[in-house]
Amino acid sequence: MVKANERNHFPIPQLGIELGIWQGNYNNMELPWLRCWDNHGNLLLTGEERAEQEYQHCYALYIVSLRKSCL
């Protein structure tokens, strides 16, 4: 039996991840969800979350480039 660590996550050393319950909004539903974390306790993003983060980053770079071209 696998025991929970100090973060109340269940480590899977072979994969380098931990499983645990995350409370939040996903697919427009506010529920507790089974999520993955890395071995340092950082939440691993879903594909949708990564895409949104990348979009926001690219958009910010685009805005910065527009401002520079206007100077």
C-alpha atoms as a PDB file:
ATOM      1  CA  MET A   1       0.000   0.000   0.000  1.00  0.00           C
ATOM      2  CA  VAL A   2       1.287   3.458  -0.937  1.00  0.00           C
ATOM      3  CA  LYS A   3       1.217   6.013   1.863  1.00  0.00           C
ATOM      4  CA  ALA A   4       0.512   9.709   1.409  1.00  0.00           C
ATOM      5  CA  ASN A   5       3.451  12.103   1.772  1.00  0.00           C
ATOM      6  CA  GLU A   6       3.594  15.354   3.759  1.00  0.00           C
ATOM      7  CA  ARG A   7       1.506  17.101   1.050  1.00  0.00           C
ATOM      8  CA  ASN A   8      -1.136  14.364   1.304  1.00  0.00           C
ATOM      9  CA  HIS A   9      -0.176  13.225  -2.204  1.00  0.00           C
ATOM     10  CA  PHE A  10       0.596   9.681  -3.263  1.00  0.00           C
ATOM     11  CA  PRO A  11       4.016   9.425  -4.927  1.00  0.00           C
ATOM     12  CA  ILE A  12       4.615   7.273  -8.000  1.00  0.00           C
ATOM     13  CA  PRO A  13       8.443   7.238  -8.117  1.00  0.00           C
ATOM     14  CA  GLN A  14       8.608   5.291 -11.404  1.00  0.00           C
ATOM     15  CA  LEU A  15       6.860   8.182 -13.148  1.00  0.00           C
ATOM     16  CA  GLY A  16       8.328  11.012 -11.071  1.00  0.00           C
ATOM     17  CA  ILE A  17       4.883  12.296 -10.136  1.00  0.00           C
ATOM     18  CA  GLU A  18       2.487  12.432  -7.221  1.00  0.00           C
ATOM     19  CA  LEU A  19      -1.288  12.024  -7.325  1.00  0.00           C
ATOM     20  CA  GLY A  20      -3.555  14.051  -5.121  1.00  0.00           C
ATOM     21  CA  ILE A  21      -6.853  15.852  -4.852  1.00  0.00           C
ATOM     22  CA  TRP A  22      -7.043  19.409  -6.189  1.00  0.00           C
ATOM     23  CA  GLN A  23     -10.112  21.529  -5.463  1.00  0.00           C
ATOM     24  CA  GLY A  24     -10.923  23.846  -8.317  1.00  0.00           C
ATOM     25  CA  ASN A  25     -12.764  24.679 -11.501  1.00  0.00           C
ATOM     26  CA  TYR A  26     -12.233  22.430 -14.505  1.00  0.00           C
ATOM     27  CA  ASN A  27     -14.573  22.170 -17.489  1.00  0.00           C
ATOM     28  CA  ASN A  28     -16.836  24.691 -15.762  1.00  0.00           C
ATOM     29  CA  MET A  29     -17.333  22.399 -12.771  1.00  0.00           C
ATOM     30  CA  GLU A  30     -16.123  23.308  -9.274  1.00  0.00           C
ATOM     31  CA  LEU A  31     -15.199  19.958  -7.734  1.00  0.00           C
ATOM     32  CA  PRO A  32     -12.341  18.062  -6.143  1.00  0.00           C
ATOM     33  CA  TRP A  33     -10.277  16.565  -8.985  1.00  0.00           C
ATOM     34  CA  LEU A  34      -7.556  13.930  -9.119  1.00  0.00           C
ATOM     35  CA  ARG A  35      -4.484  15.791 -10.386  1.00  0.00           C
ATOM     36  CA  CYS A  36      -0.777  15.178 -10.849  1.00  0.00           C
ATOM     37  CA  TRP A  37       2.100  17.059  -9.248  1.00  0.00           C
ATOM     38  CA  ASP A  38       5.835  16.791  -9.780  1.00  0.00           C
ATOM     39  CA  ASN A  39       8.107  15.496  -7.016  1.00  0.00           C
ATOM     40  CA  HIS A  40       8.563  19.056  -5.725  1.00  0.00           C
ATOM     41  CA  GLY A  41       4.829  19.601  -5.199  1.00  0.00           C
ATOM     42  CA  ASN A  42       4.240  21.727  -8.324  1.00  0.00           C
ATOM     43  CA  LEU A  43       0.884  21.115  -9.976  1.00  0.00           C
ATOM     44  CA  LEU A  44       1.259  19.716 -13.498  1.00  0.00           C
ATOM     45  CA  LEU A  45      -0.959  21.610 -15.903  1.00  0.00           C
ATOM     46  CA  THR A  46      -3.497  19.964 -18.172  1.00  0.00           C
ATOM     47  CA  GLY A  47      -3.075  20.384 -21.921  1.00  0.00           C
ATOM     48  CA  GLU A  48      -5.775  23.048 -21.920  1.00  0.00           C
ATOM     49  CA  GLU A  49      -4.089  24.933 -19.074  1.00  0.00           C
ATOM     50  CA  ARG A  50      -0.709  24.791 -20.840  1.00  0.00           C
ATOM     51  CA  ALA A  51      -2.256  26.059 -24.078  1.00  0.00           C
ATOM     52  CA  GLU A  52      -3.930  28.971 -22.270  1.00  0.00           C
ATOM     53  CA  GLN A  53      -0.685  29.840 -20.496  1.00  0.00           C
ATOM     54  CA  GLU A  54       1.217  29.794 -23.808  1.00  0.00           C
ATOM     55  CA  TYR A  55      -1.469  31.918 -25.475  1.00  0.00           C
ATOM     56  CA  GLN A  56      -1.259  34.513 -22.692  1.00  0.00           C
ATOM     57  CA  HIS A  57       2.537  34.573 -22.948  1.00  0.00           C
ATOM     58  CA  CYS A  58       2.473  35.035 -26.743  1.00  0.00           C
ATOM     59  CA  TYR A  59      -0.189  37.715 -26.485  1.00  0.00           C
ATOM     60  CA  ALA A  60       1.892  39.638 -23.950  1.00  0.00           C
ATOM     61  CA  LEU A  61       4.926  39.449 -26.265  1.00  0.00           C
ATOM     62  CA  TYR A  62       2.782  40.671 -29.149  1.00  0.00           C
ATOM     63  CA  ILE A  63       1.563  43.677 -27.136  1.00  0.00           C
ATOM     64  CA  VAL A  64       5.137  44.533 -26.141  1.00  0.00           C
ATOM     65  CA  SER A  65       6.276  44.351 -29.779  1.00  0.00           C
ATOM     66  CA  LEU A  66       3.377  46.613 -30.867  1.00  0.00           C
ATOM     67  CA  ARG A  67       4.310  49.198 -28.253  1.00  0.00           C
ATOM     68  CA  LYS A  68       7.944  49.167 -29.357  1.00  0.00           C
ATOM     69  CA  SER A  69       7.006  49.591 -33.019  1.00  0.00           C
ATOM     70  CA  CYS A  70       4.910  52.643 -32.142  1.00  0.00           C
ATOM     71  CA  LEU A  71       7.840  54.458 -30.538  1.00  0.00           C
END
